[in-house]
Amino acid sequence: MLSPKQLFAGAVAAALLVLPAYAFDFGRPASSDEIKLWDIDVRPDGKGLPDGSGTVEHGKEVFAENCAACHGDNGQGGIKDRLVGGQGTLASDNPIKTVGSFWPYATTLFDYIHRAMPYQAPGSLSVDDYYALTAYILSLNGIVPPDGKLDKETLPKVKMPNRDGFIPDPEFSKVPVPK
């Protein structure tokens, strides 16, 4: 037999689980401007890339100010992930996974940097700074020339060394992809 304390505790627990279901009139629909602030994803084909552009030269400056403390000068030797090198090592006993050796799409590199970096203040740089960082990191890996410039037209055309190195899981072919 349950004590009154146990019955009361059970009733409170049940109420806490059920009451949120009755909060049908909570909040408001997001405005289109609010949705735009969060709608920043970029697909491998480049859909979603914002207007703007950045050069390797400017990217070097932005990297030195915002990234080198964690990733090291020139993208290696820091306390966080190495960004440069590793080409030709993925099939070895000691693969080195970097932007230049592992990453399949340059557009998703931009997407990741834009969403998550710099570590201490994600999203705090300008779109031009994010294009410049992407250009600089790709240049360090020999993928973009040292005088390169990237924007929403040129970035999707960058072919990464490991673009064809990923084999899709057959399970995902069952999911319809929006056109």
C-alpha atoms as a PDB file:
ATOM      1  CA  MET A   1       0.000   0.000   0.000  1.00  0.00           C
ATOM      2  CA  LEU A   2       1.263   3.457  -0.881  1.00  0.00           C
ATOM      3  CA  SER A   3       1.676   6.097   1.750  1.00  0.00           C
ATOM      4  CA  PRO A   4       0.021   9.521   1.365  1.00  0.00           C
ATOM      5  CA  LYS A   5       3.464  11.024   0.629  1.00  0.00           C
ATOM      6  CA  GLN A   6       4.061   8.530  -2.170  1.00  0.00           C
ATOM      7  CA  LEU A   7       0.587   9.132  -3.622  1.00  0.00           C
ATOM      8  CA  PHE A   8       1.134  12.889  -3.549  1.00  0.00           C
ATOM      9  CA  ALA A   9       4.585  12.569  -5.177  1.00  0.00           C
ATOM     10  CA  GLY A  10       3.107  10.322  -7.883  1.00  0.00           C
ATOM     11  CA  ALA A  11       0.295  12.799  -8.559  1.00  0.00           C
ATOM     12  CA  VAL A  12       2.766  15.687  -8.846  1.00  0.00           C
ATOM     13  CA  ALA A  13       4.979  13.680 -11.209  1.00  0.00           C
ATOM     14  CA  ALA A  14       2.002  12.740 -13.387  1.00  0.00           C
ATOM     15  CA  ALA A  15       0.826  16.357 -13.493  1.00  0.00           C
ATOM     16  CA  LEU A  16       4.273  17.556 -14.536  1.00  0.00           C
ATOM     17  CA  LEU A  17       4.272  15.069 -17.397  1.00  0.00           C
ATOM     18  CA  VAL A  18       0.722  15.810 -18.578  1.00  0.00           C
ATOM     19  CA  LEU A  19       0.434  19.594 -18.179  1.00  0.00           C
ATOM     20  CA  PRO A  20       2.765  20.538 -21.059  1.00  0.00           C
ATOM     21  CA  ALA A  21       0.348  18.815 -23.432  1.00  0.00           C
ATOM     22  CA  TYR A  22      -2.250  21.434 -22.507  1.00  0.00           C
ATOM     23  CA  ALA A  23       0.003  24.374 -23.384  1.00  0.00           C
ATOM     24  CA  PHE A  24      -1.498  24.648 -26.883  1.00  0.00           C
ATOM     25  CA  ASP A  25      -1.509  28.433 -27.016  1.00  0.00           C
ATOM     26  CA  PHE A  26       2.098  28.999 -26.063  1.00  0.00           C
ATOM     27  CA  GLY A  27       4.387  31.338 -28.007  1.00  0.00           C
ATOM     28  CA  ARG A  28       3.814  32.723 -31.484  1.00  0.00           C
ATOM     29  CA  PRO A  29       4.799  31.829 -35.031  1.00  0.00           C
ATOM     30  CA  ALA A  30       8.266  33.017 -36.012  1.00  0.00           C
ATOM     31  CA  SER A  31       8.397  35.953 -38.417  1.00  0.00           C
ATOM     32  CA  SER A  32      10.116  35.549 -41.790  1.00  0.00           C
ATOM     33  CA  ASP A  33      12.957  37.811 -40.578  1.00  0.00           C
ATOM     34  CA  GLU A  34      13.465  35.588 -37.508  1.00  0.00           C
ATOM     35  CA  ILE A  35      13.516  32.473 -39.680  1.00  0.00           C
ATOM     36  CA  LYS A  36      16.136  34.052 -41.987  1.00  0.00           C
ATOM     37  CA  LEU A  37      18.458  34.510 -38.995  1.00  0.00           C
ATOM     38  CA  TRP A  38      18.471  30.741 -38.396  1.00  0.00           C
ATOM     39  CA  ASP A  39      18.189  29.598 -42.008  1.00  0.00           C
ATOM     40  CA  ILE A  40      21.926  29.608 -42.719  1.00  0.00           C
ATOM     41  CA  ASP A  41      22.574  26.027 -43.778  1.00  0.00           C
ATOM     42  CA  VAL A  42      24.568  25.442 -46.950  1.00  0.00           C
ATOM     43  CA  ARG A  43      24.195  22.290 -49.013  1.00  0.00           C
ATOM     44  CA  PRO A  44      26.993  20.490 -50.865  1.00  0.00           C
ATOM     45  CA  ASP A  45      25.695  21.912 -54.170  1.00  0.00           C
ATOM     46  CA  GLY A  46      26.056  25.458 -52.781  1.00  0.00           C
ATOM     47  CA  LYS A  47      22.376  26.144 -52.240  1.00  0.00           C
ATOM     48  CA  GLY A  48      22.110  28.495 -49.273  1.00  0.00           C
ATOM     49  CA  LEU A  49      25.443  30.250 -49.749  1.00  0.00           C
ATOM     50  CA  PRO A  50      25.110  33.954 -48.896  1.00  0.00           C
ATOM     51  CA  ASP A  51      26.212  36.900 -51.013  1.00  0.00           C
ATOM     52  CA  GLY A  52      29.742  38.042 -50.328  1.00  0.00           C
ATOM     53  CA  SER A  53      33.300  37.077 -51.196  1.00  0.00           C
ATOM     54  CA  GLY A  54      36.712  36.589 -49.654  1.00  0.00           C
ATOM     55  CA  THR A  55      40.328  36.290 -50.739  1.00  0.00           C
ATOM     56  CA  VAL A  56      43.111  34.027 -49.544  1.00  0.00           C
ATOM     57  CA  GLU A  57      45.112  37.110 -48.545  1.00  0.00           C
ATOM     58  CA  HIS A  58      42.330  38.442 -46.300  1.00  0.00           C
ATOM     59  CA  GLY A  59      41.726  34.932 -44.960  1.00  0.00           C
ATOM     60  CA  LYS A  60      45.322  34.740 -43.762  1.00  0.00           C
ATOM     61  CA  GLU A  61      44.769  37.870 -41.644  1.00  0.00           C
ATOM     62  CA  VAL A  62      41.446  36.621 -40.243  1.00  0.00           C
ATOM     63  CA  PHE A  63      42.983  33.216 -39.488  1.00  0.00           C
ATOM     64  CA  ALA A  64      45.899  34.784 -37.599  1.00  0.00           C
ATOM     65  CA  GLU A  65      43.499  36.854 -35.478  1.00  0.00           C
ATOM     66  CA  ASN A  66      40.815  34.251 -34.817  1.00  0.00           C
ATOM     67  CA  CYS A  67      42.005  30.712 -35.544  1.00  0.00           C
ATOM     68  CA  ALA A  68      45.759  30.279 -35.133  1.00  0.00           C
ATOM     69  CA  ALA A  69      45.598  30.138 -31.327  1.00  0.00           C
ATOM     70  CA  CYS A  70      43.710  26.827 -31.570  1.00  0.00           C
ATOM     71  CA  HIS A  71      44.693  25.412 -34.968  1.00  0.00           C
ATOM     72  CA  GLY A  72      48.301  26.623 -35.067  1.00  0.00           C
ATOM     73  CA  ASP A  73      50.075  28.845 -37.550  1.00  0.00           C
ATOM     74  CA  ASN A  74      49.217  27.724 -41.059  1.00  0.00           C
ATOM     75  CA  GLY A  75      46.548  25.308 -39.814  1.00  0.00           C
ATOM     76  CA  GLN A  76      48.707  22.782 -37.987  1.00  0.00           C
ATOM     77  CA  GLY A  77      50.506  22.383 -34.697  1.00  0.00           C
ATOM     78  CA  GLY A  78      47.778  23.875 -32.526  1.00  0.00           C
ATOM     79  CA  ILE A  79      45.830  22.458 -29.600  1.00  0.00           C
ATOM     80  CA  LYS A  80      42.802  21.691 -31.783  1.00  0.00           C
ATOM     81  CA  ASP A  81      42.293  19.779 -35.026  1.00  0.00           C
ATOM     82  CA  ARG A  82      44.891  19.946 -37.736  1.00  0.00           C
ATOM     83  CA  LEU A  83      43.437  21.557 -40.879  1.00  0.00           C
ATOM     84  CA  VAL A  84      46.245  21.040 -43.390  1.00  0.00           C
ATOM     85  CA  GLY A  85      48.001  18.085 -44.999  1.00  0.00           C
ATOM     86  CA  GLY A  86      47.240  14.387 -44.823  1.00  0.00           C
ATOM     87  CA  GLN A  87      46.614  13.901 -48.545  1.00  0.00           C
ATOM     88  CA  GLY A  88      47.168  10.271 -49.476  1.00  0.00           C
ATOM     89  CA  THR A  89      46.995   8.964 -45.890  1.00  0.00           C
ATOM     90  CA  LEU A  90      43.349   7.920 -45.592  1.00  0.00           C
ATOM     91  CA  ALA A  91      43.976   4.334 -46.733  1.00  0.00           C
ATOM     92  CA  SER A  92      47.077   3.997 -44.540  1.00  0.00           C
ATOM     93  CA  ASP A  93      47.388   2.605 -41.027  1.00  0.00           C
ATOM     94  CA  ASN A  94      47.672   6.171 -39.730  1.00  0.00           C
ATOM     95  CA  PRO A  95      45.165   8.310 -41.643  1.00  0.00           C
ATOM     96  CA  ILE A  96      45.390  12.045 -41.114  1.00  0.00           C
ATOM     97  CA  LYS A  97      41.934  13.544 -41.509  1.00  0.00           C
ATOM     98  CA  THR A  98      42.152  17.202 -42.456  1.00  0.00           C
ATOM     99  CA  VAL A  99      40.244  19.585 -44.676  1.00  0.00           C
ATOM    100  CA  GLY A 100      42.613  18.724 -47.507  1.00  0.00           C
ATOM    101  CA  SER A 101      42.522  14.963 -47.135  1.00  0.00           C
ATOM    102  CA  PHE A 102      39.092  14.060 -45.815  1.00  0.00           C
ATOM    103  CA  TRP A 103      36.538  16.831 -46.349  1.00  0.00           C
ATOM    104  CA  PRO A 104      34.279  16.044 -49.355  1.00  0.00           C
ATOM    105  CA  TYR A 105      32.774  19.472 -50.209  1.00  0.00           C
ATOM    106  CA  ALA A 106      34.194  22.977 -49.963  1.00  0.00           C
ATOM    107  CA  THR A 107      30.693  24.381 -49.482  1.00  0.00           C
ATOM    108  CA  THR A 108      30.143  22.407 -46.301  1.00  0.00           C
ATOM    109  CA  LEU A 109      33.507  23.625 -45.000  1.00  0.00           C
ATOM    110  CA  PHE A 110      32.160  27.172 -45.360  1.00  0.00           C
ATOM    111  CA  ASP A 111      28.930  26.065 -43.668  1.00  0.00           C
ATOM    112  CA  TYR A 112      30.778  24.590 -40.691  1.00  0.00           C
ATOM    113  CA  ILE A 113      33.103  27.559 -40.229  1.00  0.00           C
ATOM    114  CA  HIS A 114      30.180  30.005 -40.576  1.00  0.00           C
ATOM    115  CA  ARG A 115      28.105  28.189 -37.940  1.00  0.00           C
ATOM    116  CA  ALA A 116      30.723  27.135 -35.420  1.00  0.00           C
ATOM    117  CA  MET A 117      33.782  29.371 -35.599  1.00  0.00           C
ATOM    118  CA  PRO A 118      35.574  31.128 -34.117  1.00  0.00           C
ATOM    119  CA  TYR A 119      35.229  28.834 -31.144  1.00  0.00           C
ATOM    120  CA  GLN A 120      34.913  31.622 -28.594  1.00  0.00           C
ATOM    121  CA  ALA A 121      32.316  33.559 -30.628  1.00  0.00           C
ATOM    122  CA  PRO A 122      30.607  31.496 -33.358  1.00  0.00           C
ATOM    123  CA  GLY A 123      29.004  33.504 -36.128  1.00  0.00           C
ATOM    124  CA  SER A 124      30.687  36.736 -35.053  1.00  0.00           C
ATOM    125  CA  LEU A 125      32.615  37.381 -38.268  1.00  0.00           C
ATOM    126  CA  SER A 126      31.298  38.886 -41.498  1.00  0.00           C
ATOM    127  CA  VAL A 127      30.239  36.706 -44.418  1.00  0.00           C
ATOM    128  CA  ASP A 128      33.241  38.049 -46.335  1.00  0.00           C
ATOM    129  CA  ASP A 129      35.511  36.926 -43.475  1.00  0.00           C
ATOM    130  CA  TYR A 130      34.019  33.411 -43.632  1.00  0.00           C
ATOM    131  CA  TYR A 131      34.583  33.217 -47.393  1.00  0.00           C
ATOM    132  CA  ALA A 132      38.140  34.453 -46.821  1.00  0.00           C
ATOM    133  CA  LEU A 133      38.812  31.854 -44.119  1.00  0.00           C
ATOM    134  CA  THR A 134      37.504  29.120 -46.385  1.00  0.00           C
ATOM    135  CA  ALA A 135      39.711  30.369 -49.226  1.00  0.00           C
ATOM    136  CA  TYR A 136      42.770  30.516 -46.964  1.00  0.00           C
ATOM    137  CA  ILE A 137      42.308  27.015 -45.521  1.00  0.00           C
ATOM    138  CA  LEU A 138      41.737  25.583 -49.000  1.00  0.00           C
ATOM    139  CA  SER A 139      44.820  27.442 -50.234  1.00  0.00           C
ATOM    140  CA  LEU A 140      46.934  25.998 -47.407  1.00  0.00           C
ATOM    141  CA  ASN A 141      45.890  22.585 -48.700  1.00  0.00           C
ATOM    142  CA  GLY A 142      46.807  23.440 -52.311  1.00  0.00           C
ATOM    143  CA  ILE A 143      43.169  23.363 -53.448  1.00  0.00           C
ATOM    144  CA  VAL A 144      42.726  27.098 -54.153  1.00  0.00           C
ATOM    145  CA  PRO A 145      45.586  29.211 -55.567  1.00  0.00           C
ATOM    146  CA  PRO A 146      47.355  31.700 -53.252  1.00  0.00           C
ATOM    147  CA  ASP A 147      45.693  34.589 -55.097  1.00  0.00           C
ATOM    148  CA  GLY A 148      42.276  32.885 -55.013  1.00  0.00           C
ATOM    149  CA  LYS A 149      38.922  34.461 -54.261  1.00  0.00           C
ATOM    150  CA  LEU A 150      35.715  32.623 -53.330  1.00  0.00           C
ATOM    151  CA  ASP A 151      32.053  33.574 -53.488  1.00  0.00           C
ATOM    152  CA  LYS A 152      28.729  31.788 -53.898  1.00  0.00           C
ATOM    153  CA  GLU A 153      29.431  31.153 -57.598  1.00  0.00           C
ATOM    154  CA  THR A 154      33.013  29.876 -57.328  1.00  0.00           C
ATOM    155  CA  LEU A 155      32.894  27.922 -54.062  1.00  0.00           C
ATOM    156  CA  PRO A 156      30.560  25.144 -55.301  1.00  0.00           C
ATOM    157  CA  LYS A 157      32.915  24.592 -58.264  1.00  0.00           C
ATOM    158  CA  VAL A 158      35.866  23.713 -56.000  1.00  0.00           C
ATOM    159  CA  LYS A 159      36.542  19.980 -56.274  1.00  0.00           C
ATOM    160  CA  MET A 160      37.902  18.560 -53.055  1.00  0.00           C
ATOM    161  CA  PRO A 161      40.482  15.745 -53.272  1.00  0.00           C
ATOM    162  CA  ASN A 162      38.229  13.326 -51.382  1.00  0.00           C
ATOM    163  CA  ARG A 163      34.964  14.283 -53.130  1.00  0.00           C
ATOM    164  CA  ASP A 164      34.552  10.761 -54.501  1.00  0.00           C
ATOM    165  CA  GLY A 165      35.923   9.027 -51.411  1.00  0.00           C
ATOM    166  CA  PHE A 166      32.588   8.678 -49.643  1.00  0.00           C
ATOM    167  CA  ILE A 167      30.303   5.750 -50.389  1.00  0.00           C
ATOM    168  CA  PRO A 168      26.662   6.517 -49.598  1.00  0.00           C
ATOM    169  CA  ASP A 169      24.892   4.154 -47.246  1.00  0.00           C
ATOM    170  CA  PRO A 170      22.155   2.324 -49.207  1.00  0.00           C
ATOM    171  CA  GLU A 171      19.724   3.048 -46.352  1.00  0.00           C
ATOM    172  CA  PHE A 172      19.819   6.748 -47.226  1.00  0.00           C
ATOM    173  CA  SER A 173      18.770   6.085 -50.830  1.00  0.00           C
ATOM    174  CA  LYS A 174      15.301   5.231 -49.469  1.00  0.00           C
ATOM    175  CA  VAL A 175      14.842   8.793 -48.193  1.00  0.00           C
ATOM    176  CA  PRO A 176      13.429  11.138 -50.856  1.00  0.00           C
ATOM    177  CA  VAL A 177      15.685  14.115 -51.500  1.00  0.00           C
ATOM    178  CA  PRO A 178      13.888  17.425 -52.159  1.00  0.00           C
ATOM    179  CA  LYS A 179      14.653  18.961 -55.554  1.00  0.00           C
END
